[in-house]
Amino acid sequence: MRAEDLLPDDINQGQFNGTTVRKGTVGAFLINARMLSDPLSNVEQRRRAEQDIIAALPALRALGLFEILQVRDLALRTLCEHT
């Protein structure tokens, strides 16, 4: 399956397991994860990245992301598993 098979270009969100998931959610999670673990990120950048990750968790779980992939960074994994 290709990305456009899941969400065509003209559709920006879909329903997955009863949760609305916006296109770009997984990509945003990856960017925020990098920001959270980057030692050069300042406190505000890390705080904002953590908040955005927490907000995205229901959608990421609805997609089944964590059933397939395991987060290697321990702090990020703990955040994803216990929030």
N, C-alpha and C. Protein backbone atom coordinates (compact mmCIF):
# COMPACT_ATOMS: atom_id res chain seq x y z
N MET A 1 0.84 -1.17 0.00
CA MET A 1 0.00 0.00 0.00
C MET A 1 0.89 1.24 0.00
N ARG A 2 0.47 2.22 -0.74
CA ARG A 2 1.18 3.50 -0.79
C ARG A 2 0.39 4.54 0.01
N ALA A 3 1.06 5.61 0.39
CA ALA A 3 0.43 6.65 1.21
C ALA A 3 -0.85 7.16 0.55
N GLU A 4 -0.83 7.40 -0.75
CA GLU A 4 -2.01 7.94 -1.43
C GLU A 4 -3.16 6.94 -1.52
N ASP A 5 -2.86 5.65 -1.30
CA ASP A 5 -3.93 4.65 -1.24
C ASP A 5 -4.68 4.76 0.09
N LEU A 6 -3.98 5.15 1.12
CA LEU A 6 -4.58 5.29 2.45
C LEU A 6 -5.36 6.59 2.58
N LEU A 7 -4.70 7.70 2.22
CA LEU A 7 -5.32 9.02 2.24
C LEU A 7 -4.94 9.73 0.95
N PRO A 8 -5.86 9.81 -0.01
CA PRO A 8 -5.57 10.50 -1.27
C PRO A 8 -5.17 11.96 -1.03
N ASP A 9 -4.55 12.57 -2.03
CA ASP A 9 -4.05 13.94 -1.89
C ASP A 9 -5.12 14.93 -1.43
N ASP A 10 -6.35 14.73 -1.84
CA ASP A 10 -7.40 15.70 -1.51
C ASP A 10 -8.09 15.45 -0.17
N ILE A 11 -7.64 14.44 0.56
CA ILE A 11 -8.21 14.13 1.87
C ILE A 11 -7.12 14.29 2.93
N ASN A 12 -7.42 15.05 3.97
CA ASN A 12 -6.41 15.38 4.97
C ASN A 12 -6.54 14.62 6.28
N GLN A 13 -7.58 13.84 6.42
CA GLN A 13 -7.75 13.06 7.65
C GLN A 13 -8.61 11.84 7.35
N GLY A 14 -8.51 10.87 8.26
CA GLY A 14 -9.30 9.67 8.12
C GLY A 14 -9.69 9.14 9.48
N GLN A 15 -10.61 8.21 9.50
CA GLN A 15 -11.05 7.56 10.73
C GLN A 15 -10.36 6.21 10.85
N PHE A 16 -9.69 6.00 11.95
CA PHE A 16 -8.99 4.75 12.21
C PHE A 16 -9.36 4.29 13.61
N ASN A 17 -10.01 3.15 13.70
CA ASN A 17 -10.44 2.61 14.98
C ASN A 17 -11.19 3.65 15.81
N GLY A 18 -12.07 4.41 15.14
CA GLY A 18 -12.91 5.37 15.82
C GLY A 18 -12.25 6.69 16.18
N THR A 19 -11.02 6.91 15.73
CA THR A 19 -10.29 8.13 16.04
C THR A 19 -9.95 8.86 14.75
N THR A 20 -10.17 10.16 14.73
CA THR A 20 -9.79 10.96 13.57
C THR A 20 -8.28 11.16 13.60
N VAL A 21 -7.63 10.82 12.50
CA VAL A 21 -6.17 10.96 12.39
C VAL A 21 -5.88 11.86 11.20
N ARG A 22 -5.16 12.93 11.47
CA ARG A 22 -4.78 13.86 10.40
C ARG A 22 -3.58 13.32 9.63
N LYS A 23 -3.57 13.64 8.36
CA LYS A 23 -2.41 13.32 7.52
C LYS A 23 -1.20 14.04 8.12
N GLY A 24 -0.10 13.38 8.23
CA GLY A 24 1.11 13.99 8.78
C GLY A 24 1.35 13.69 10.24
N THR A 25 0.43 12.98 10.88
CA THR A 25 0.56 12.71 12.32
C THR A 25 1.82 11.93 12.64
N VAL A 26 2.10 10.89 11.87
CA VAL A 26 3.29 10.07 12.15
C VAL A 26 4.56 10.87 11.87
N GLY A 27 4.57 11.63 10.79
CA GLY A 27 5.73 12.46 10.47
C GLY A 27 5.99 13.50 11.55
N ALA A 28 4.93 14.13 12.05
CA ALA A 28 5.08 15.12 13.12
C ALA A 28 5.61 14.46 14.39
N PHE A 29 5.13 13.24 14.67
CA PHE A 29 5.63 12.51 15.84
C PHE A 29 7.13 12.29 15.72
N LEU A 30 7.59 11.89 14.55
CA LEU A 30 9.03 11.64 14.36
C LEU A 30 9.85 12.91 14.55
N ILE A 31 9.36 14.02 14.02
CA ILE A 31 10.07 15.29 14.19
C ILE A 31 10.10 15.70 15.65
N ASN A 32 8.97 15.57 16.34
CA ASN A 32 8.92 15.91 17.76
C ASN A 32 9.79 14.98 18.59
N ALA A 33 9.84 13.71 18.23
CA ALA A 33 10.70 12.76 18.95
C ALA A 33 12.16 13.16 18.83
N ARG A 34 12.55 13.56 17.64
CA ARG A 34 13.94 14.02 17.45
C ARG A 34 14.22 15.27 18.27
N MET A 35 13.26 16.20 18.27
CA MET A 35 13.41 17.44 19.03
C MET A 35 13.53 17.15 20.52
N LEU A 36 12.71 16.23 21.01
CA LEU A 36 12.71 15.89 22.43
C LEU A 36 14.03 15.27 22.85
N SER A 37 14.64 14.50 21.99
CA SER A 37 15.87 13.80 22.37
C SER A 37 17.15 14.55 21.96
N ASP A 38 17.01 15.66 21.27
CA ASP A 38 18.18 16.42 20.82
C ASP A 38 18.74 17.25 21.98
N PRO A 39 19.98 17.00 22.37
CA PRO A 39 20.56 17.76 23.49
C PRO A 39 20.72 19.24 23.17
N LEU A 40 20.64 19.62 21.90
CA LEU A 40 20.75 21.03 21.52
C LEU A 40 19.40 21.75 21.55
N SER A 41 18.32 21.02 21.75
CA SER A 41 17.00 21.64 21.87
C SER A 41 16.92 22.38 23.21
N ASN A 42 16.31 23.54 23.17
CA ASN A 42 16.16 24.27 24.43
C ASN A 42 14.93 23.76 25.19
N VAL A 43 14.76 24.23 26.40
CA VAL A 43 13.69 23.76 27.27
C VAL A 43 12.32 23.97 26.63
N GLU A 44 12.09 25.11 26.03
CA GLU A 44 10.80 25.41 25.40
C GLU A 44 10.53 24.49 24.20
N GLN A 45 11.54 24.23 23.41
CA GLN A 45 11.37 23.32 22.27
C GLN A 45 11.01 21.91 22.75
N ARG A 46 11.69 21.45 23.80
CA ARG A 46 11.39 20.12 24.35
C ARG A 46 10.00 20.07 24.97
N ARG A 47 9.62 21.12 25.66
CA ARG A 47 8.29 21.18 26.28
C ARG A 47 7.20 21.11 25.21
N ARG A 48 7.37 21.90 24.16
CA ARG A 48 6.38 21.93 23.08
C ARG A 48 6.33 20.58 22.36
N ALA A 49 7.50 19.97 22.11
CA ALA A 49 7.54 18.67 21.45
C ALA A 49 6.84 17.61 22.31
N GLU A 50 7.07 17.64 23.62
CA GLU A 50 6.42 16.68 24.51
C GLU A 50 4.91 16.87 24.49
N GLN A 51 4.44 18.10 24.55
CA GLN A 51 3.00 18.36 24.51
C GLN A 51 2.39 17.86 23.20
N ASP A 52 3.08 18.11 22.09
CA ASP A 52 2.57 17.67 20.79
C ASP A 52 2.54 16.15 20.68
N ILE A 53 3.55 15.49 21.26
CA ILE A 53 3.56 14.02 21.27
C ILE A 53 2.38 13.50 22.08
N ILE A 54 2.17 14.05 23.26
CA ILE A 54 1.07 13.61 24.11
C ILE A 54 -0.27 13.80 23.39
N ALA A 55 -0.43 14.92 22.71
CA ALA A 55 -1.68 15.18 21.98
C ALA A 55 -1.89 14.19 20.84
N ALA A 56 -0.81 13.70 20.25
CA ALA A 56 -0.90 12.79 19.11
C ALA A 56 -1.04 11.32 19.52
N LEU A 57 -0.81 11.00 20.78
CA LEU A 57 -0.83 9.60 21.20
C LEU A 57 -2.13 8.86 20.88
N PRO A 58 -3.30 9.43 21.08
CA PRO A 58 -4.51 8.69 20.72
C PRO A 58 -4.55 8.29 19.24
N ALA A 59 -4.14 9.20 18.38
CA ALA A 59 -4.12 8.91 16.94
C ALA A 59 -3.07 7.85 16.61
N LEU A 60 -1.90 7.96 17.21
CA LEU A 60 -0.83 6.98 16.95
C LEU A 60 -1.23 5.60 17.44
N ARG A 61 -1.92 5.56 18.57
CA ARG A 61 -2.41 4.27 19.08
C ARG A 61 -3.51 3.71 18.19
N ALA A 62 -4.39 4.58 17.69
CA ALA A 62 -5.47 4.13 16.80
C ALA A 62 -4.90 3.54 15.52
N LEU A 63 -3.78 4.09 15.07
CA LEU A 63 -3.12 3.54 13.88
C LEU A 63 -2.40 2.23 14.17
N GLY A 64 -2.14 1.96 15.46
CA GLY A 64 -1.43 0.74 15.83
C GLY A 64 0.07 0.88 15.72
N LEU A 65 0.57 2.10 15.72
CA LEU A 65 2.00 2.34 15.55
C LEU A 65 2.85 1.58 16.56
N PHE A 66 2.43 1.62 17.83
CA PHE A 66 3.25 1.02 18.88
C PHE A 66 3.06 -0.50 18.99
N GLU A 67 2.11 -1.03 18.25
CA GLU A 67 1.96 -2.48 18.17
C GLU A 67 2.98 -3.07 17.18
N ILE A 68 3.44 -2.22 16.27
CA ILE A 68 4.38 -2.66 15.23
C ILE A 68 5.81 -2.23 15.55
N LEU A 69 5.96 -1.01 16.04
CA LEU A 69 7.28 -0.44 16.28
C LEU A 69 7.48 -0.17 17.76
N GLN A 70 8.71 -0.37 18.23
CA GLN A 70 9.04 -0.04 19.61
C GLN A 70 9.96 1.16 19.61
N VAL A 71 9.65 2.14 20.44
CA VAL A 71 10.48 3.33 20.57
C VAL A 71 11.75 2.94 21.31
N ARG A 72 12.90 3.25 20.72
CA ARG A 72 14.17 2.85 21.32
C ARG A 72 14.62 3.77 22.44
N ASP A 73 14.33 5.06 22.35
CA ASP A 73 14.71 6.01 23.38
C ASP A 73 13.85 5.74 24.62
N LEU A 74 14.49 5.43 25.74
CA LEU A 74 13.78 5.02 26.94
C LEU A 74 12.83 6.09 27.47
N ALA A 75 13.28 7.34 27.52
CA ALA A 75 12.42 8.42 28.03
C ALA A 75 11.19 8.60 27.13
N LEU A 76 11.40 8.56 25.83
CA LEU A 76 10.29 8.71 24.90
C LEU A 76 9.35 7.51 24.97
N ARG A 77 9.91 6.31 25.09
CA ARG A 77 9.09 5.11 25.22
C ARG A 77 8.22 5.18 26.48
N THR A 78 8.81 5.63 27.57
CA THR A 78 8.07 5.77 28.83
C THR A 78 6.93 6.78 28.66
N LEU A 79 7.22 7.90 28.02
CA LEU A 79 6.19 8.91 27.77
C LEU A 79 5.05 8.31 26.95
N CYS A 80 5.38 7.57 25.90
CA CYS A 80 4.37 7.00 25.02
C CYS A 80 3.57 5.88 25.69
N GLU A 81 4.20 5.14 26.56
CA GLU A 81 3.51 4.00 27.20
C GLU A 81 2.69 4.43 28.42
N HIS A 82 3.08 5.49 29.09
CA HIS A 82 2.45 5.82 30.37
C HIS A 82 1.68 7.14 30.36
N THR A 83 1.40 7.65 29.20
CA THR A 83 0.63 8.91 29.13
C THR A 83 -0.69 8.61 28.46
